[in-house]
Amino acid sequence: MTRVAVVGARGRMGGTVCDAVEADLDLDLVARVGSRDCLDLVLDAGADVAVEFTLPTTVKANTAWLLRRGVHTVVGATGLSPDDLRELEALTGPANCFVAPNFAVGAVLMMRMAELAARYLDFAEVVESHHERKVDAPSGTALRTVEMIAAARAKNGRDHAAPPPPADGHPARGLVVDGVPVHSVRMPGFVASHEVTFGGPGQTLRIRHDSIDRSSFMPGVLRAIKRIPSLPGLTVGLEALLD
């Protein structure tokens, strides 16, 4: 059995991960580590894999600490920049690192569909909605979606298709990331919702994914825990595990 520690175990996502690990016959939950607990608890418990679900302010330091000590680390917390990922990749070797902005299979399909649509439709905007306690905005999923849209445009020679930011920089137009306006909603009633709207002459296309319960993320988390020992170094995105 794979021995698993959950870092951020007292948060809502961390608690759900603990329940999912305990219910899986191939996994053994050996440590519940809170945000104020010492990470040495992971080593004391002999964990093979740690799941990091804390905060943007702590995720990088926690992940680096775990990798330096040879613990495979599955990262669900957001807040890692491209530079952060490069630094973490340099720490892999004895231990691997898996990072996903979203562990819901439906969200991955939404991103892939958006990537396809970006090849044909020039205008795109993203609206992401989360519960009021989510501290980062835009969400990691929204940023990953925009990254995939921009890459698809560049690959197909459609860089020019991205509408430029509004000339006056009006704040109501959202945060423009790689030519795509992104709008964030934070209020009770949401778990995680992402909608990408594409526009072209005389038409619009909307692609939307809603997580209505945190259980939607658990199959992806469990898949990452089981696959991470065989992954090379740093892997980003659940789509890498779905092929």
Protein backbone atom coordinates (compact mmCIF):
# COMPACT_ATOMS: atom_id res chain seq x y z
CA MET A 1 0.00 0.00 0.00
CA THR A 2 1.09 3.56 -0.69
CA ARG A 3 1.53 5.56 2.50
CA VAL A 4 0.01 9.02 2.14
CA ALA A 5 0.28 12.24 4.16
CA VAL A 6 -2.07 15.17 3.57
CA VAL A 7 -0.63 18.63 4.20
CA GLY A 8 -3.42 21.12 4.82
CA ALA A 9 -5.59 18.36 6.22
CA ARG A 10 -7.78 20.68 8.30
CA GLY A 11 -8.97 22.72 5.33
CA ARG A 12 -12.08 21.85 3.40
CA MET A 13 -10.21 20.38 0.45
CA GLY A 14 -7.64 18.70 2.68
CA GLY A 15 -10.35 17.06 4.75
CA THR A 16 -12.06 15.74 1.63
CA VAL A 17 -8.74 14.33 0.40
CA CYS A 18 -8.24 12.55 3.74
CA ASP A 19 -11.66 10.92 3.45
CA ALA A 20 -10.97 9.80 -0.12
CA VAL A 21 -7.58 8.32 0.76
CA GLU A 22 -9.02 6.45 3.74
CA ALA A 23 -11.75 4.97 1.53
CA ASP A 24 -9.26 3.68 -1.07
CA LEU A 25 -8.10 0.11 -0.40
CA ASP A 26 -4.74 0.72 -2.11
CA LEU A 27 -3.79 3.72 0.02
CA ASP A 28 -2.95 4.20 3.69
CA LEU A 29 -3.47 7.62 5.27
CA VAL A 30 -0.56 7.87 7.71
CA ALA A 31 -0.51 11.59 8.58
CA ARG A 32 -2.93 14.53 8.74
CA VAL A 33 -0.77 17.67 8.81
CA GLY A 34 -2.41 21.00 9.60
CA SER A 35 -1.14 24.36 8.41
CA ARG A 36 0.41 25.02 11.82
CA ASP A 37 1.93 21.57 12.25
CA CYS A 38 5.56 20.71 11.60
CA LEU A 39 6.22 19.00 8.27
CA ASP A 40 8.42 16.53 10.13
CA LEU A 41 5.16 14.67 10.80
CA VAL A 42 5.28 13.54 7.16
CA LEU A 43 8.70 11.97 7.66
CA ASP A 44 7.85 10.54 11.08
CA ALA A 45 4.89 8.74 9.52
CA GLY A 46 7.03 7.27 6.74
CA ALA A 47 4.86 8.71 3.97
CA ASP A 48 5.67 7.75 0.39
CA VAL A 49 3.52 10.53 -1.07
CA ALA A 50 2.41 13.88 0.35
CA VAL A 51 -0.61 15.78 -0.96
CA GLU A 52 -0.16 19.55 -0.57
CA PHE A 53 -3.42 21.49 -0.24
CA THR A 54 -2.50 24.57 1.80
CA LEU A 55 -2.36 28.19 0.57
CA PRO A 56 -0.59 30.19 -2.14
CA THR A 57 1.63 31.68 0.58
CA THR A 58 2.94 28.31 1.79
CA VAL A 59 2.67 25.87 -1.11
CA LYS A 60 6.08 26.56 -2.66
CA ALA A 61 8.05 26.32 0.59
CA ASN A 62 6.20 23.16 1.67
CA THR A 63 6.67 21.45 -1.68
CA ALA A 64 10.37 22.31 -1.82
CA TRP A 65 10.85 20.99 1.73
CA LEU A 66 9.17 17.69 0.85
CA LEU A 67 11.05 17.19 -2.42
CA ARG A 68 14.40 17.85 -0.75
CA ARG A 69 13.60 15.03 1.66
CA GLY A 70 12.64 12.55 -1.04
CA VAL A 71 8.86 12.60 -0.64
CA HIS A 72 6.80 12.44 -3.83
CA THR A 73 4.48 15.47 -3.74
CA VAL A 74 1.07 15.98 -5.33
CA VAL A 75 0.22 19.70 -5.33
CA GLY A 76 -3.36 20.93 -5.41
CA ALA A 77 -2.82 24.35 -3.87
CA THR A 78 -2.55 27.20 -6.36
CA GLY A 79 -0.11 30.08 -6.41
CA LEU A 80 2.93 28.60 -8.16
CA SER A 81 4.38 30.80 -10.91
CA PRO A 82 6.31 29.48 -13.94
CA ASP A 83 9.54 30.45 -12.14
CA ASP A 84 8.39 28.55 -9.04
CA LEU A 85 7.73 25.46 -11.15
CA ARG A 86 11.20 25.63 -12.66
CA GLU A 87 12.73 25.86 -9.19
CA LEU A 88 10.71 22.87 -7.98
CA GLU A 89 11.60 20.86 -11.07
CA ALA A 90 15.27 21.35 -10.21
CA LEU A 91 14.59 19.67 -6.85
CA THR A 92 13.06 16.54 -8.35
CA GLY A 93 15.07 13.39 -8.87
CA PRO A 94 14.74 11.06 -5.91
CA ALA A 95 11.19 12.40 -5.57
CA ASN A 96 8.71 13.50 -8.23
CA CYS A 97 6.30 16.43 -8.21
CA PHE A 98 2.82 16.58 -9.75
CA VAL A 99 0.98 19.92 -9.96
CA ALA A 100 -2.59 20.37 -11.16
CA PRO A 101 -4.64 23.58 -11.11
CA ASN A 102 -7.78 21.44 -11.16
CA PHE A 103 -8.26 17.73 -10.43
CA ALA A 104 -11.76 17.41 -11.92
CA VAL A 105 -11.81 15.43 -15.15
CA GLY A 106 -14.59 17.65 -16.48
CA ALA A 107 -12.47 20.75 -15.94
CA VAL A 108 -9.63 19.19 -17.93
CA LEU A 109 -12.05 18.44 -20.76
CA MET A 110 -13.28 22.05 -20.60
CA MET A 111 -9.71 23.30 -21.01
CA ARG A 112 -9.04 20.97 -23.93
CA MET A 113 -12.23 22.08 -25.68
CA ALA A 114 -11.24 25.71 -25.15
CA GLU A 115 -7.83 24.95 -26.61
CA LEU A 116 -9.54 23.54 -29.71
CA ALA A 117 -11.96 26.45 -30.07
CA ALA A 118 -9.11 28.97 -29.85
CA ARG A 119 -7.85 27.69 -33.20
CA TYR A 120 -10.97 28.94 -34.95
CA LEU A 121 -12.62 31.78 -32.97
CA ASP A 122 -10.83 35.08 -32.43
CA PHE A 123 -12.43 36.48 -29.27
CA ALA A 124 -12.41 34.78 -25.86
CA GLU A 125 -13.23 35.72 -22.27
CA VAL A 126 -13.19 33.67 -19.06
CA VAL A 127 -15.44 33.95 -16.01
CA GLU A 128 -14.49 31.88 -12.96
CA SER A 129 -16.62 31.67 -9.79
CA HIS A 130 -15.57 30.27 -6.41
CA HIS A 131 -16.60 30.34 -2.77
CA GLU A 132 -15.92 33.50 -0.79
CA ARG A 133 -12.95 32.03 1.10
CA LYS A 134 -10.80 31.36 -1.95
CA VAL A 135 -7.92 33.79 -1.54
CA ASP A 136 -6.35 33.82 -5.02
CA ALA A 137 -7.84 35.37 -8.15
CA PRO A 138 -7.86 34.50 -10.97
CA SER A 139 -8.02 30.81 -10.19
CA GLY A 140 -5.26 28.47 -11.25
CA THR A 141 -7.71 26.77 -13.61
CA ALA A 142 -8.56 30.06 -15.31
CA LEU A 143 -4.88 30.88 -15.76
CA ARG A 144 -4.15 27.41 -17.11
CA THR A 145 -7.09 27.72 -19.53
CA VAL A 146 -5.80 31.06 -20.83
CA GLU A 147 -2.31 29.60 -21.15
CA MET A 148 -3.68 26.78 -23.33
CA ILE A 149 -5.73 29.24 -25.43
CA ALA A 150 -2.67 31.42 -26.03
CA ALA A 151 -0.53 28.40 -26.94
CA ALA A 152 -3.15 27.15 -29.41
CA ARG A 153 -3.33 30.59 -31.04
CA ALA A 154 0.43 30.82 -31.33
CA LYS A 155 0.75 27.30 -32.74
CA ASN A 156 -1.80 28.05 -35.44
CA GLY A 157 -0.40 31.47 -36.30
CA ARG A 158 -3.35 33.29 -34.76
CA ASP A 159 -1.49 35.46 -32.25
CA HIS A 160 -3.12 38.45 -33.87
CA ALA A 161 -6.55 37.01 -33.13
CA ALA A 162 -6.34 37.89 -29.44
CA PRO A 163 -8.16 41.19 -28.90
CA PRO A 164 -5.88 43.82 -27.35
CA PRO A 165 -6.65 45.13 -23.85
CA PRO A 166 -9.15 48.04 -23.79
CA ALA A 167 -7.42 51.28 -24.68
CA ASP A 168 -8.41 52.95 -21.42
CA GLY A 169 -7.66 49.90 -19.25
CA HIS A 170 -11.18 49.97 -17.80
CA PRO A 171 -11.24 47.78 -14.65
CA ALA A 172 -14.68 46.42 -15.47
CA ARG A 173 -13.13 44.54 -18.38
CA GLY A 174 -11.35 42.17 -16.04
CA LEU A 175 -7.69 41.22 -15.80
CA VAL A 176 -6.28 40.75 -19.30
CA VAL A 177 -3.99 37.69 -19.38
CA ASP A 178 -2.30 36.85 -22.69
CA GLY A 179 -4.95 38.87 -24.50
CA VAL A 180 -7.88 37.17 -22.74
CA PRO A 181 -10.02 39.10 -20.20
CA VAL A 182 -10.55 37.06 -17.02
CA HIS A 183 -13.28 37.86 -14.50
CA SER A 184 -13.36 36.43 -10.95
CA VAL A 185 -16.44 36.00 -8.74
CA ARG A 186 -16.15 35.20 -5.02
CA MET A 187 -19.33 34.49 -3.06
CA PRO A 188 -21.19 31.79 -1.11
CA GLY A 189 -22.97 29.16 -3.15
CA PHE A 190 -20.07 28.24 -5.42
CA VAL A 191 -17.49 25.48 -5.20
CA ALA A 192 -15.74 26.02 -8.55
CA SER A 193 -17.17 27.12 -11.88
CA HIS A 194 -15.39 28.12 -15.08
CA GLU A 195 -16.96 29.39 -18.28
CA VAL A 196 -15.09 30.31 -21.46
CA THR A 197 -17.02 32.30 -24.05
CA PHE A 198 -15.72 32.50 -27.62
CA GLY A 199 -17.04 34.89 -30.21
CA GLY A 200 -16.87 35.17 -33.97
CA PRO A 201 -18.89 36.87 -36.68
CA GLY A 202 -22.55 36.19 -35.91
CA GLN A 203 -21.91 33.50 -33.29
CA THR A 204 -20.82 32.67 -29.75
CA LEU A 205 -19.64 29.44 -28.16
CA ARG A 206 -19.78 28.82 -24.40
CA ILE A 207 -17.88 26.04 -22.66
CA ARG A 208 -18.66 25.65 -18.96
CA HIS A 209 -17.70 23.31 -16.16
CA ASP A 210 -19.19 23.32 -12.65
CA SER A 211 -17.93 21.45 -9.63
CA ILE A 212 -20.89 21.33 -7.30
CA ASP A 213 -19.12 19.27 -4.66
CA ARG A 214 -15.46 18.75 -3.72
CA SER A 215 -15.89 15.05 -4.38
CA SER A 216 -15.53 15.95 -8.07
CA PHE A 217 -11.80 16.45 -7.53
CA MET A 218 -11.10 13.20 -5.71
CA PRO A 219 -10.76 10.71 -8.63
CA GLY A 220 -8.07 12.97 -10.09
CA VAL A 221 -6.26 13.32 -6.75
CA LEU A 222 -6.26 9.57 -6.20
CA ARG A 223 -5.02 8.94 -9.73
CA ALA A 224 -2.16 11.39 -9.19
CA ILE A 225 -1.18 9.76 -5.87
CA LYS A 226 -0.99 6.34 -7.48
CA ARG A 227 0.83 7.47 -10.61
CA ILE A 228 3.37 9.92 -9.18
CA PRO A 229 6.11 7.36 -8.37
CA SER A 230 6.34 6.49 -12.08
CA LEU A 231 6.18 10.06 -13.41
CA PRO A 232 9.35 11.82 -14.59
CA GLY A 233 10.42 14.77 -12.43
CA LEU A 234 7.81 17.53 -12.65
CA THR A 235 4.41 16.95 -14.29
CA VAL A 236 1.86 19.77 -14.67
CA GLY A 237 -1.81 19.19 -15.44
CA LEU A 238 -4.19 16.28 -14.92
CA GLU A 239 -4.41 15.84 -18.68
CA ALA A 240 -1.00 14.13 -18.51
CA LEU A 241 -2.68 11.25 -16.63
CA LEU A 242 -5.70 10.87 -18.88
CA ASP A 243 -4.03 9.75 -22.12
